[in-house]
């Protein structure tokens, strides 16, 4: 992942000011981008729409903290806005269902792995 910003902007994000480490913030950004990518595949969005949604996610979290806004909900909003910006329209209901399916499936697998151990 490459982000082109001045180094001081990268080190002084709202999440860092709230106490998140660099690794935690990076992991949350990657998780949000992976969710957007999965949703884009399931919604059959163009790659440019998916990339736009991921850019919106990064821009949002350079202004707001991960501790303040849930990355899953933010990713869902970014998918919806990205689809509108790129004229690749999807209904809110479709975006919400796909995002719920992607996140719920991950939680289900995590619970199942815990039960097996």
PDB file of N, CA and C in Angstrom:
ATOM      1  N   UNK A   1       0.846  -1.166   0.000  1.00  0.00           N
ATOM      2  CA  UNK A   1       0.000   0.000   0.000  1.00  0.00           C
ATOM      3  C   UNK A   1       0.894   1.232   0.000  1.00  0.00           C
ATOM      4  N   UNK A   2       0.697   2.125  -0.940  1.00  0.00           N
ATOM      5  CA  UNK A   2       1.475   3.346  -1.036  1.00  0.00           C
ATOM      6  C   UNK A   2       0.559   4.548  -0.895  1.00  0.00           C
ATOM      7  N   UNK A   3       0.896   5.416   0.037  1.00  0.00           N
ATOM      8  CA  UNK A   3       0.130   6.641   0.249  1.00  0.00           C
ATOM      9  C   UNK A   3       1.093   7.801   0.065  1.00  0.00           C
ATOM     10  N   UNK A   4       0.747   8.713  -0.816  1.00  0.00           N
ATOM     11  CA  UNK A   4       1.617   9.849  -1.102  1.00  0.00           C
ATOM     12  C   UNK A   4       1.130  11.068  -0.335  1.00  0.00           C
ATOM     13  N   UNK A   5       1.777  11.312   0.776  1.00  0.00           N
ATOM     14  CA  UNK A   5       1.484  12.459   1.628  1.00  0.00           C
ATOM     15  C   UNK A   5       2.776  12.903   2.291  1.00  0.00           C
ATOM     16  N   UNK A   6       2.796  14.114   2.794  1.00  0.00           N
ATOM     17  CA  UNK A   6       3.984  14.516   3.555  1.00  0.00           C
ATOM     18  C   UNK A   6       4.148  13.622   4.787  1.00  0.00           C
ATOM     19  N   UNK A   7       5.384  13.299   5.159  1.00  0.00           N
ATOM     20  CA  UNK A   7       5.625  12.398   6.295  1.00  0.00           C
ATOM     21  C   UNK A   7       4.966  12.861   7.598  1.00  0.00           C
ATOM     22  N   UNK A   8       4.928  14.164   7.821  1.00  0.00           N
ATOM     23  CA  UNK A   8       4.321  14.650   9.064  1.00  0.00           C
ATOM     24  C   UNK A   8       2.808  14.410   9.088  1.00  0.00           C
ATOM     25  N   UNK A   9       2.170  14.405   7.915  1.00  0.00           N
ATOM     26  CA  UNK A   9       0.736  14.112   7.853  1.00  0.00           C
ATOM     27  C   UNK A   9       0.475  12.639   8.142  1.00  0.00           C
ATOM     28  N   UNK A  10       1.385  11.779   7.717  1.00  0.00           N
ATOM     29  CA  UNK A  10       1.231  10.346   7.969  1.00  0.00           C
ATOM     30  C   UNK A  10       1.445   9.994   9.439  1.00  0.00           C
ATOM     31  N   UNK A  11       2.294  10.745  10.109  1.00  0.00           N
ATOM     32  CA  UNK A  11       2.613  10.441  11.507  1.00  0.00           C
ATOM     33  C   UNK A  11       1.657  11.114  12.480  1.00  0.00           C
ATOM     34  N   UNK A  12       0.848  12.053  11.988  1.00  0.00           N
ATOM     35  CA  UNK A  12      -0.016  12.813  12.879  1.00  0.00           C
ATOM     36  C   UNK A  12      -1.488  12.647  12.503  1.00  0.00           C
ATOM     37  N   UNK A  13      -1.925  11.428  12.292  1.00  0.00           N
ATOM     38  CA  UNK A  13      -3.318  11.179  11.948  1.00  0.00           C
ATOM     39  C   UNK A  13      -4.168  11.226  13.223  1.00  0.00           C
ATOM     40  N   UNK A  14      -5.462  11.445  13.086  1.00  0.00           N
ATOM     41  CA  UNK A  14      -6.329  11.454  14.272  1.00  0.00           C
ATOM     42  C   UNK A  14      -6.267  10.141  15.061  1.00  0.00           C
ATOM     43  N   UNK A  15      -6.115   9.017  14.367  1.00  0.00           N
ATOM     44  CA  UNK A  15      -6.037   7.729  15.060  1.00  0.00           C
ATOM     45  C   UNK A  15      -4.787   7.637  15.922  1.00  0.00           C
ATOM     46  N   UNK A  16      -3.685   8.147  15.427  1.00  0.00           N
ATOM     47  CA  UNK A  16      -2.440   8.140  16.207  1.00  0.00           C
ATOM     48  C   UNK A  16      -2.570   9.043  17.420  1.00  0.00           C
ATOM     49  N   UNK A  17      -3.223  10.183  17.244  1.00  0.00           N
ATOM     50  CA  UNK A  17      -3.436  11.088  18.380  1.00  0.00           C
ATOM     51  C   UNK A  17      -4.336  10.443  19.437  1.00  0.00           C
ATOM     52  N   UNK A  18      -5.198   9.529  19.010  1.00  0.00           N
ATOM     53  CA  UNK A  18      -6.088   8.821  19.940  1.00  0.00           C
ATOM     54  C   UNK A  18      -5.403   7.625  20.596  1.00  0.00           C
ATOM     55  N   UNK A  19      -4.184   7.300  20.170  1.00  0.00           N
ATOM     56  CA  UNK A  19      -3.427   6.242  20.826  1.00  0.00           C
ATOM     57  C   UNK A  19      -3.243   4.962  20.029  1.00  0.00           C
ATOM     58  N   UNK A  20      -3.735   4.885  18.802  1.00  0.00           N
ATOM     59  CA  UNK A  20      -3.519   3.700  17.971  1.00  0.00           C
ATOM     60  C   UNK A  20      -2.079   3.677  17.481  1.00  0.00           C
ATOM     61  N   UNK A  21      -1.487   2.513  17.449  1.00  0.00           N
ATOM     62  CA  UNK A  21      -0.119   2.403  16.950  1.00  0.00           C
ATOM     63  C   UNK A  21      -0.132   2.440  15.421  1.00  0.00           C
ATOM     64  N   UNK A  22       1.043   2.592  14.859  1.00  0.00           N
ATOM     65  CA  UNK A  22       1.175   2.617  13.402  1.00  0.00           C
ATOM     66  C   UNK A  22       0.709   1.301  12.786  1.00  0.00           C
ATOM     67  N   UNK A  23       1.069   0.188  13.428  1.00  0.00           N
ATOM     68  CA  UNK A  23       0.676  -1.130  12.911  1.00  0.00           C
ATOM     69  C   UNK A  23      -0.831  -1.351  12.997  1.00  0.00           C
ATOM     70  N   UNK A  24      -1.439  -0.933  14.096  1.00  0.00           N
ATOM     71  CA  UNK A  24      -2.891  -1.082  14.238  1.00  0.00           C
ATOM     72  C   UNK A  24      -3.632  -0.271  13.186  1.00  0.00           C
ATOM     73  N   UNK A  25      -3.174   0.944  12.963  1.00  0.00           N
ATOM     74  CA  UNK A  25      -3.816   1.792  11.958  1.00  0.00           C
ATOM     75  C   UNK A  25      -3.649   1.193  10.559  1.00  0.00           C
ATOM     76  N   UNK A  26      -2.453   0.711  10.253  1.00  0.00           N
ATOM     77  CA  UNK A  26      -2.216   0.084   8.955  1.00  0.00           C
ATOM     78  C   UNK A  26      -3.106  -1.137   8.765  1.00  0.00           C
ATOM     79  N   UNK A  27      -3.217  -1.952   9.805  1.00  0.00           N
ATOM     80  CA  UNK A  27      -4.065  -3.150   9.723  1.00  0.00           C
ATOM     81  C   UNK A  27      -5.530  -2.791   9.497  1.00  0.00           C
ATOM     82  N   UNK A  28      -6.010  -1.767  10.165  1.00  0.00           N
ATOM     83  CA  UNK A  28      -7.399  -1.346   9.977  1.00  0.00           C
ATOM     84  C   UNK A  28      -7.623  -0.796   8.577  1.00  0.00           C
ATOM     85  N   UNK A  29      -6.653  -0.059   8.054  1.00  0.00           N
ATOM     86  CA  UNK A  29      -6.769   0.451   6.684  1.00  0.00           C
ATOM     87  C   UNK A  29      -6.809  -0.703   5.677  1.00  0.00           C
ATOM     88  N   UNK A  30      -5.942  -1.682   5.875  1.00  0.00           N
ATOM     89  CA  UNK A  30      -5.925  -2.845   4.976  1.00  0.00           C
ATOM     90  C   UNK A  30      -7.220  -3.639   5.081  1.00  0.00           C
ATOM     91  N   UNK A  31      -7.722  -3.806   6.297  1.00  0.00           N
ATOM     92  CA  UNK A  31      -8.977  -4.524   6.494  1.00  0.00           C
ATOM     93  C   UNK A  31     -10.129  -3.814   5.769  1.00  0.00           C
ATOM     94  N   UNK A  32     -10.179  -2.494   5.900  1.00  0.00           N
ATOM     95  CA  UNK A  32     -11.217  -1.726   5.207  1.00  0.00           C
ATOM     96  C   UNK A  32     -11.105  -1.861   3.695  1.00  0.00           C
ATOM     97  N   UNK A  33      -9.891  -1.820   3.170  1.00  0.00           N
ATOM     98  CA  UNK A  33      -9.686  -1.960   1.727  1.00  0.00           C
ATOM     99  C   UNK A  33     -10.044  -3.363   1.246  1.00  0.00           C
ATOM    100  N   UNK A  34      -9.743  -4.373   2.047  1.00  0.00           N
ATOM    101  CA  UNK A  34     -10.117  -5.745   1.681  1.00  0.00           C
ATOM    102  C   UNK A  34     -11.630  -5.912   1.652  1.00  0.00           C
ATOM    103  N   UNK A  35     -12.318  -5.316   2.632  1.00  0.00           N
ATOM    104  CA  UNK A  35     -13.783  -5.372   2.632  1.00  0.00           C
ATOM    105  C   UNK A  35     -14.358  -4.713   1.385  1.00  0.00           C
ATOM    106  N   UNK A  36     -13.809  -3.567   1.033  1.00  0.00           N
ATOM    107  CA  UNK A  36     -14.277  -2.855  -0.158  1.00  0.00           C
ATOM    108  C   UNK A  36     -14.015  -3.696  -1.404  1.00  0.00           C
ATOM    109  N   UNK A  37     -12.862  -4.333  -1.470  1.00  0.00           N
ATOM    110  CA  UNK A  37     -12.532  -5.173  -2.624  1.00  0.00           C
ATOM    111  C   UNK A  37     -13.499  -6.345  -2.742  1.00  0.00           C
ATOM    112  N   UNK A  38     -13.771  -7.016  -1.618  1.00  0.00           N
ATOM    113  CA  UNK A  38     -14.722  -8.128  -1.632  1.00  0.00           C
ATOM    114  C   UNK A  38     -16.113  -7.664  -2.049  1.00  0.00           C
ATOM    115  N   UNK A  39     -16.547  -6.540  -1.490  1.00  0.00           N
ATOM    116  CA  UNK A  39     -17.872  -6.017  -1.837  1.00  0.00           C
ATOM    117  C   UNK A  39     -17.928  -5.654  -3.313  1.00  0.00           C
ATOM    118  N   UNK A  40     -16.851  -5.070  -3.831  1.00  0.00           N
ATOM    119  CA  UNK A  40     -16.805  -4.722  -5.246  1.00  0.00           C
ATOM    120  C   UNK A  40     -16.937  -5.935  -6.148  1.00  0.00           C
ATOM    121  N   UNK A  41     -16.323  -7.028  -5.742  1.00  0.00           N
ATOM    122  CA  UNK A  41     -16.428  -8.269  -6.525  1.00  0.00           C
ATOM    123  C   UNK A  41     -17.866  -8.792  -6.498  1.00  0.00           C
ATOM    124  N   UNK A  42     -18.459  -8.839  -5.311  1.00  0.00           N
ATOM    125  CA  UNK A  42     -19.819  -9.365  -5.188  1.00  0.00           C
ATOM    126  C   UNK A  42     -20.862  -8.468  -5.849  1.00  0.00           C
ATOM    127  N   UNK A  43     -20.606  -7.155  -5.834  1.00  0.00           N
ATOM    128  CA  UNK A  43     -21.542  -6.222  -6.464  1.00  0.00           C
ATOM    129  C   UNK A  43     -21.258  -6.036  -7.954  1.00  0.00           C
ATOM    130  N   UNK A  44     -20.203  -6.685  -8.433  1.00  0.00           N
ATOM    131  CA  UNK A  44     -19.781  -6.580  -9.836  1.00  0.00           C
ATOM    132  C   UNK A  44     -19.507  -5.123 -10.229  1.00  0.00           C
ATOM    133  N   UNK A  45     -18.772  -4.434  -9.339  1.00  0.00           N
ATOM    134  CA  UNK A  45     -18.363  -3.057  -9.614  1.00  0.00           C
ATOM    135  C   UNK A  45     -17.093  -3.063 -10.450  1.00  0.00           C
ATOM    136  N   UNK A  46     -16.888  -2.013 -11.208  1.00  0.00           N
ATOM    137  CA  UNK A  46     -15.644  -1.898 -11.969  1.00  0.00           C
ATOM    138  C   UNK A  46     -14.492  -1.665 -10.998  1.00  0.00           C
ATOM    139  N   UNK A  47     -13.290  -1.961 -11.454  1.00  0.00           N
ATOM    140  CA  UNK A  47     -12.117  -1.774 -10.601  1.00  0.00           C
ATOM    141  C   UNK A  47     -11.914  -0.304 -10.258  1.00  0.00           C
ATOM    142  N   UNK A  48     -12.237   0.596 -11.174  1.00  0.00           N
ATOM    143  CA  UNK A  48     -12.080   2.026 -10.884  1.00  0.00           C
ATOM    144  C   UNK A  48     -13.041   2.467  -9.775  1.00  0.00           C
ATOM    145  N   UNK A  49     -14.217   1.872  -9.720  1.00  0.00           N
ATOM    146  CA  UNK A  49     -15.161   2.184  -8.654  1.00  0.00           C
ATOM    147  C   UNK A  49     -14.633   1.695  -7.313  1.00  0.00           C
ATOM    148  N   UNK A  50     -14.067   0.501  -7.311  1.00  0.00           N
ATOM    149  CA  UNK A  50     -13.506  -0.065  -6.085  1.00  0.00           C
ATOM    150  C   UNK A  50     -12.339   0.773  -5.584  1.00  0.00           C
ATOM    151  N   UNK A  51     -11.478   1.184  -6.484  1.00  0.00           N
ATOM    152  CA  UNK A  51     -10.326   2.009  -6.101  1.00  0.00           C
ATOM    153  C   UNK A  51     -10.793   3.369  -5.592  1.00  0.00           C
ATOM    154  N   UNK A  52     -11.819   3.926  -6.197  1.00  0.00           N
ATOM    155  CA  UNK A  52     -12.367   5.197  -5.725  1.00  0.00           C
ATOM    156  C   UNK A  52     -12.885   5.045  -4.303  1.00  0.00           C
ATOM    157  N   UNK A  53     -13.585   3.955  -4.029  1.00  0.00           N
ATOM    158  CA  UNK A  53     -14.105   3.705  -2.685  1.00  0.00           C
ATOM    159  C   UNK A  53     -12.958   3.561  -1.679  1.00  0.00           C
ATOM    160  N   UNK A  54     -11.888   2.882  -2.077  1.00  0.00           N
ATOM    161  CA  UNK A  54     -10.748   2.729  -1.177  1.00  0.00           C
ATOM    162  C   UNK A  54     -10.057   4.071  -0.924  1.00  0.00           C
ATOM    163  N   UNK A  55      -9.966   4.905  -1.944  1.00  0.00           N
ATOM    164  CA  UNK A  55      -9.377   6.231  -1.765  1.00  0.00           C
ATOM    165  C   UNK A  55     -10.236   7.077  -0.822  1.00  0.00           C
ATOM    166  N   UNK A  56     -11.551   6.958  -0.941  1.00  0.00           N
ATOM    167  CA  UNK A  56     -12.446   7.676  -0.030  1.00  0.00           C
ATOM    168  C   UNK A  56     -12.234   7.217   1.410  1.00  0.00           C
ATOM    169  N   UNK A  57     -12.044   5.928   1.601  1.00  0.00           N
ATOM    170  CA  UNK A  57     -11.787   5.399   2.946  1.00  0.00           C
ATOM    171  C   UNK A  57     -10.516   6.010   3.536  1.00  0.00           C
ATOM    172  N   UNK A  58      -9.450   6.020   2.755  1.00  0.00           N
ATOM    173  CA  UNK A  58      -8.190   6.596   3.239  1.00  0.00           C
ATOM    174  C   UNK A  58      -8.341   8.079   3.530  1.00  0.00           C
ATOM    175  N   UNK A  59      -8.988   8.801   2.650  1.00  0.00           N
ATOM    176  CA  UNK A  59      -9.181  10.242   2.871  1.00  0.00           C
ATOM    177  C   UNK A  59      -9.990  10.499   4.131  1.00  0.00           C
ATOM    178  N   UNK A  60     -11.015   9.697   4.346  1.00  0.00           N
ATOM    179  CA  UNK A  60     -11.849   9.864   5.536  1.00  0.00           C
ATOM    180  C   UNK A  60     -11.024   9.691   6.806  1.00  0.00           C
ATOM    181  N   UNK A  61     -10.196   8.640   6.836  1.00  0.00           N
ATOM    182  CA  UNK A  61      -9.430   8.369   8.048  1.00  0.00           C
ATOM    183  C   UNK A  61      -8.185   9.237   8.200  1.00  0.00           C
ATOM    184  N   UNK A  62      -7.910  10.101   7.254  1.00  0.00           N
ATOM    185  CA  UNK A  62      -6.899  11.130   7.494  1.00  0.00           C
ATOM    186  C   UNK A  62      -7.516  12.336   8.185  1.00  0.00           C
ATOM    187  N   UNK A  63      -8.850  12.360   8.280  1.00  0.00           N
ATOM    188  CA  UNK A  63      -9.563  13.439   8.976  1.00  0.00           C
ATOM    189  C   UNK A  63     -10.251  12.968  10.249  1.00  0.00           C
ATOM    190  N   UNK A  64     -10.580  11.695  10.324  1.00  0.00           N
ATOM    191  CA  UNK A  64     -11.289  11.126  11.470  1.00  0.00           C
ATOM    192  C   UNK A  64     -10.525   9.918  12.001  1.00  0.00           C
ATOM    193  N   UNK A  65     -10.853   9.538  13.247  1.00  0.00           N
ATOM    194  CA  UNK A  65     -10.131   8.458  13.912  1.00  0.00           C
ATOM    195  C   UNK A  65     -10.843   7.120  13.758  1.00  0.00           C
ATOM    196  N   UNK A  66     -10.045   6.056  13.704  1.00  0.00           N
ATOM    197  CA  UNK A  66     -10.595   4.706  13.686  1.00  0.00           C
ATOM    198  C   UNK A  66     -11.314   4.393  14.995  1.00  0.00           C
ATOM    199  N   UNK A  67     -10.926   5.052  16.077  1.00  0.00           N
ATOM    200  CA  UNK A  67     -11.581   4.814  17.361  1.00  0.00           C
ATOM    201  C   UNK A  67     -12.960   5.469  17.413  1.00  0.00           C
ATOM    202  N   UNK A  68     -13.188   6.430  16.557  1.00  0.00           N
ATOM    203  CA  UNK A  68     -14.450   7.173  16.545  1.00  0.00           C
ATOM    204  C   UNK A  68     -15.480   6.555  15.597  1.00  0.00           C
ATOM    205  N   UNK A  69     -15.024   6.017  14.468  1.00  0.00           N
ATOM    206  CA  UNK A  69     -15.918   5.471  13.443  1.00  0.00           C
ATOM    207  C   UNK A  69     -15.503   4.045  13.086  1.00  0.00           C
ATOM    208  N   UNK A  70     -16.476   3.132  13.080  1.00  0.00           N
ATOM    209  CA  UNK A  70     -16.231   1.723  12.769  1.00  0.00           C
ATOM    210  C   UNK A  70     -15.826   1.564  11.304  1.00  0.00           C
ATOM    211  N   UNK A  71     -14.753   0.839  11.073  1.00  0.00           N
ATOM    212  CA  UNK A  71     -14.208   0.697   9.722  1.00  0.00           C
ATOM    213  C   UNK A  71     -15.183  -0.037   8.795  1.00  0.00           C
ATOM    214  N   UNK A  72     -15.978  -0.962   9.329  1.00  0.00           N
ATOM    215  CA  UNK A  72     -16.921  -1.707   8.488  1.00  0.00           C
ATOM    216  C   UNK A  72     -18.028  -0.806   7.963  1.00  0.00           C
ATOM    217  N   UNK A  73     -18.545   0.049   8.818  1.00  0.00           N
ATOM    218  CA  UNK A  73     -19.596   0.972   8.381  1.00  0.00           C
ATOM    219  C   UNK A  73     -19.049   2.026   7.426  1.00  0.00           C
ATOM    220  N   UNK A  74     -17.856   2.496   7.732  1.00  0.00           N
ATOM    221  CA  UNK A  74     -17.232   3.480   6.850  1.00  0.00           C
ATOM    222  C   UNK A  74     -16.965   2.881   5.482  1.00  0.00           C
ATOM    223  N   UNK A  75     -16.504   1.640   5.444  1.00  0.00           N
ATOM    224  CA  UNK A  75     -16.248   0.969   4.168  1.00  0.00           C
ATOM    225  C   UNK A  75     -17.532   0.837   3.361  1.00  0.00           C
ATOM    226  N   UNK A  76     -18.626   0.517   4.029  1.00  0.00           N
ATOM    227  CA  UNK A  76     -19.919   0.400   3.333  1.00  0.00           C
ATOM    228  C   UNK A  76     -20.318   1.741   2.723  1.00  0.00           C
ATOM    229  N   UNK A  77     -20.162   2.806   3.479  1.00  0.00           N
ATOM    230  CA  UNK A  77     -20.471   4.136   2.949  1.00  0.00           C
ATOM    231  C   UNK A  77     -19.585   4.504   1.778  1.00  0.00           C
ATOM    232  N   UNK A  78     -18.319   4.132   1.868  1.00  0.00           N
ATOM    233  CA  UNK A  78     -17.388   4.437   0.785  1.00  0.00           C
ATOM    234  C   UNK A  78     -17.735   3.662  -0.488  1.00  0.00           C
ATOM    235  N   UNK A  79     -18.183   2.422  -0.347  1.00  0.00           N
ATOM    236  CA  UNK A  79     -18.599   1.643  -1.521  1.00  0.00           C
ATOM    237  C   UNK A  79     -19.795   2.323  -2.183  1.00  0.00           C
ATOM    238  N   UNK A  80     -20.759   2.734  -1.381  1.00  0.00           N
ATOM    239  CA  UNK A  80     -21.937   3.389  -1.936  1.00  0.00           C
ATOM    240  C   UNK A  80     -21.564   4.704  -2.628  1.00  0.00           C
ATOM    241  N   UNK A  81     -20.771   5.546  -1.948  1.00  0.00           N
ATOM    242  CA  UNK A  81     -20.365   6.822  -2.549  1.00  0.00           C
ATOM    243  C   UNK A  81     -19.490   6.619  -3.785  1.00  0.00           C
ATOM    244  N   UNK A  82     -18.583   5.649  -3.715  1.00  0.00           N
ATOM    245  CA  UNK A  82     -17.729   5.363  -4.868  1.00  0.00           C
ATOM    246  C   UNK A  82     -18.533   4.938  -6.074  1.00  0.00           C
ATOM    247  N   UNK A  83     -19.582   4.155  -5.837  1.00  0.00           N
ATOM    248  CA  UNK A  83     -20.421   3.718  -6.967  1.00  0.00           C
ATOM    249  C   UNK A  83     -21.167   4.898  -7.577  1.00  0.00           C
ATOM    250  N   UNK A  84     -21.545   5.850  -6.760  1.00  0.00           N
ATOM    251  CA  UNK A  84     -22.236   7.037  -7.285  1.00  0.00           C
ATOM    252  C   UNK A  84     -21.261   7.954  -8.027  1.00  0.00           C
ATOM    253  N   UNK A  85     -20.089   8.138  -7.472  1.00  0.00           N
ATOM    254  CA  UNK A  85     -19.103   9.018  -8.113  1.00  0.00           C
ATOM    255  C   UNK A  85     -18.667   8.498  -9.478  1.00  0.00           C
ATOM    256  N   UNK A  86     -18.545   7.189  -9.599  1.00  0.00           N
ATOM    257  CA  UNK A  86     -18.078   6.587 -10.841  1.00  0.00           C
ATOM    258  C   UNK A  86     -19.218   6.188 -11.780  1.00  0.00           C
ATOM    259  N   UNK A  87     -20.431   6.615 -11.457  1.00  0.00           N
ATOM    260  CA  UNK A  87     -21.606   6.295 -12.298  1.00  0.00           C
ATOM    261  C   UNK A  87     -21.787   4.796 -12.485  1.00  0.00           C
ATOM    262  N   UNK A  88     -21.508   4.053 -11.431  1.00  0.00           N
ATOM    263  CA  UNK A  88     -21.649   2.602 -11.424  1.00  0.00           C
ATOM    264  C   UNK A  88     -22.663   2.269 -10.324  1.00  0.00           C
ATOM    265  N   UNK A  89     -23.854   2.798 -10.452  1.00  0.00           N
ATOM    266  CA  UNK A  89     -24.841   2.849  -9.383  1.00  0.00           C
ATOM    267  C   UNK A  89     -25.249   1.479  -8.838  1.00  0.00           C
ATOM    268  N   UNK A  90     -25.353   1.437  -7.508  1.00  0.00           N
ATOM    269  CA  UNK A  90     -25.897   0.279  -6.806  1.00  0.00           C
ATOM    270  C   UNK A  90     -26.850   0.820  -5.739  1.00  0.00           C
ATOM    271  N   UNK A  91     -27.886   0.032  -5.454  1.00  0.00           N
ATOM    272  CA  UNK A  91     -28.844   0.455  -4.438  1.00  0.00           C
ATOM    273  C   UNK A  91     -28.222   0.334  -3.054  1.00  0.00           C
ATOM    274  N   UNK A  92     -28.692   1.164  -2.131  1.00  0.00           N
ATOM    275  CA  UNK A  92     -28.192   1.123  -0.758  1.00  0.00           C
ATOM    276  C   UNK A  92     -28.440  -0.263  -0.165  1.00  0.00           C
ATOM    277  N   UNK A  93     -29.600  -0.819  -0.443  1.00  0.00           N
ATOM    278  CA  UNK A  93     -29.941  -2.141   0.080  1.00  0.00           C
ATOM    279  C   UNK A  93     -28.934  -3.195  -0.380  1.00  0.00           C
ATOM    280  N   UNK A  94     -28.556  -3.148  -1.642  1.00  0.00           N
ATOM    281  CA  UNK A  94     -27.596  -4.121  -2.171  1.00  0.00           C
ATOM    282  C   UNK A  94     -26.228  -3.972  -1.509  1.00  0.00           C
ATOM    283  N   UNK A  95     -25.786  -2.733  -1.358  1.00  0.00           N
ATOM    284  CA  UNK A  95     -24.490  -2.486  -0.713  1.00  0.00           C
ATOM    285  C   UNK A  95     -24.539  -2.958   0.734  1.00  0.00           C
ATOM    286  N   UNK A  96     -25.605  -2.642   1.443  1.00  0.00           N
ATOM    287  CA  UNK A  96     -25.721  -3.035   2.849  1.00  0.00           C
ATOM    288  C   UNK A  96     -25.731  -4.554   2.997  1.00  0.00           C
ATOM    289  N   UNK A  97     -26.464  -5.244   2.141  1.00  0.00           N
ATOM    290  CA  UNK A  97     -26.526  -6.709   2.224  1.00  0.00           C
ATOM    291  C   UNK A  97     -25.174  -7.360   1.938  1.00  0.00           C
ATOM    292  N   UNK A  98     -24.492  -6.863   0.934  1.00  0.00           N
ATOM    293  CA  UNK A  98     -23.189  -7.435   0.595  1.00  0.00           C
ATOM    294  C   UNK A  98     -22.167  -7.165   1.697  1.00  0.00           C
ATOM    295  N   UNK A  99     -22.170  -5.955   2.240  1.00  0.00           N
ATOM    296  CA  UNK A  99     -21.234  -5.640   3.318  1.00  0.00           C
ATOM    297  C   UNK A  99     -21.546  -6.470   4.557  1.00  0.00           C
ATOM    298  N   UNK A 100     -22.829  -6.652   4.854  1.00  0.00           N
ATOM    299  CA  UNK A 100     -23.212  -7.481   5.991  1.00  0.00           C
ATOM    300  C   UNK A 100     -22.747  -8.920   5.752  1.00  0.00           C
ATOM    301  N   UNK A 101     -22.942  -9.409   4.551  1.00  0.00           N
ATOM    302  CA  UNK A 101     -22.555 -10.772   4.234  1.00  0.00           C
ATOM    303  C   UNK A 101     -21.040 -10.958   4.382  1.00  0.00           C
ATOM    304  N   UNK A 102     -20.273  -9.994   3.885  1.00  0.00           N
ATOM    305  CA  UNK A 102     -18.805 -10.099   3.960  1.00  0.00           C
ATOM    306  C   UNK A 102     -18.324 -10.079   5.412  1.00  0.00           C
ATOM    307  N   UNK A 103     -18.849  -9.181   6.228  1.00  0.00           N
ATOM    308  CA  UNK A 103     -18.373  -9.074   7.611  1.00  0.00           C
ATOM    309  C   UNK A 103     -18.931 -10.190   8.478  1.00  0.00           C
ATOM    310  N   UNK A 104     -20.190 -10.559   8.276  1.00  0.00           N
ATOM    311  CA  UNK A 104     -20.792 -11.616   9.078  1.00  0.00           C
ATOM    312  C   UNK A 104     -20.117 -12.958   8.805  1.00  0.00           C
ATOM    313  N   UNK A 105     -19.780 -13.197   7.563  1.00  0.00           N
ATOM    314  CA  UNK A 105     -19.111 -14.442   7.183  1.00  0.00           C
ATOM    315  C   UNK A 105     -17.755 -14.549   7.880  1.00  0.00           C
ATOM    316  N   UNK A 106     -17.011 -13.445   7.931  1.00  0.00           N
ATOM    317  CA  UNK A 106     -15.709 -13.456   8.591  1.00  0.00           C
ATOM    318  C   UNK A 106     -15.847 -13.735  10.081  1.00  0.00           C
ATOM    319  N   UNK A 107     -16.830 -13.101  10.716  1.00  0.00           N
ATOM    320  CA  UNK A 107     -17.045 -13.329  12.145  1.00  0.00           C
ATOM    321  C   UNK A 107     -17.461 -14.776  12.405  1.00  0.00           C
ATOM    322  N   UNK A 108     -18.279 -15.335  11.539  1.00  0.00           N
ATOM    323  CA  UNK A 108     -18.726 -16.710  11.692  1.00  0.00           C
ATOM    324  C   UNK A 108     -17.538 -17.666  11.615  1.00  0.00           C
ATOM    325  N   UNK A 109     -16.639 -17.446  10.633  1.00  0.00           N
ATOM    326  CA  UNK A 109     -15.462 -18.308  10.505  1.00  0.00           C
ATOM    327  C   UNK A 109     -14.551 -18.169  11.713  1.00  0.00           C
ATOM    328  N   UNK A 110     -14.398 -16.950  12.229  1.00  0.00           N
ATOM    329  CA  UNK A 110     -13.544 -16.744  13.406  1.00  0.00           C
ATOM    330  C   UNK A 110     -14.106 -17.494  14.622  1.00  0.00           C
ATOM    331  N   UNK A 111     -15.425 -17.435  14.822  1.00  0.00           N
ATOM    332  CA  UNK A 111     -16.054 -18.159  15.918  1.00  0.00           C
ATOM    333  C   UNK A 111     -15.909 -19.668  15.748  1.00  0.00           C
ATOM    334  N   UNK A 112     -16.054 -20.132  14.531  1.00  0.00           N
ATOM    335  CA  UNK A 112     -15.947 -21.557  14.262  1.00  0.00           C
ATOM    336  C   UNK A 112     -14.538 -22.068  14.529  1.00  0.00           C
ATOM    337  N   UNK A 113     -13.519 -21.278  14.156  1.00  0.00           N
ATOM    338  CA  UNK A 113     -12.136 -21.675  14.430  1.00  0.00           C
ATOM    339  C   UNK A 113     -11.862 -21.742  15.931  1.00  0.00           C
ATOM    340  N   UNK A 114     -12.454 -20.809  16.691  1.00  0.00           N
ATOM    341  CA  UNK A 114     -12.270 -20.814  18.146  1.00  0.00           C
ATOM    342  C   UNK A 114     -12.888 -22.067  18.759  1.00  0.00           C
ATOM    343  N   UNK A 115     -14.054 -22.479  18.247  1.00  0.00           N
ATOM    344  CA  UNK A 115     -14.736 -23.648  18.790  1.00  0.00           C
ATOM    345  C   UNK A 115     -13.962 -24.926  18.518  1.00  0.00           C
ATOM    346  N   UNK A 116     -13.246 -24.998  17.384  1.00  0.00           N
ATOM    347  CA  UNK A 116     -12.484 -26.186  17.030  1.00  0.00           C
ATOM    348  C   UNK A 116     -11.272 -26.372  17.937  1.00  0.00           C
ATOM    349  N   UNK A 117     -10.737 -25.284  18.458  1.00  0.00           N
ATOM    350  CA  UNK A 117      -9.528 -25.356  19.294  1.00  0.00           C
ATOM    351  C   UNK A 117      -9.837 -25.802  20.665  1.00  0.00           C
TER     352      UNK A 117
END
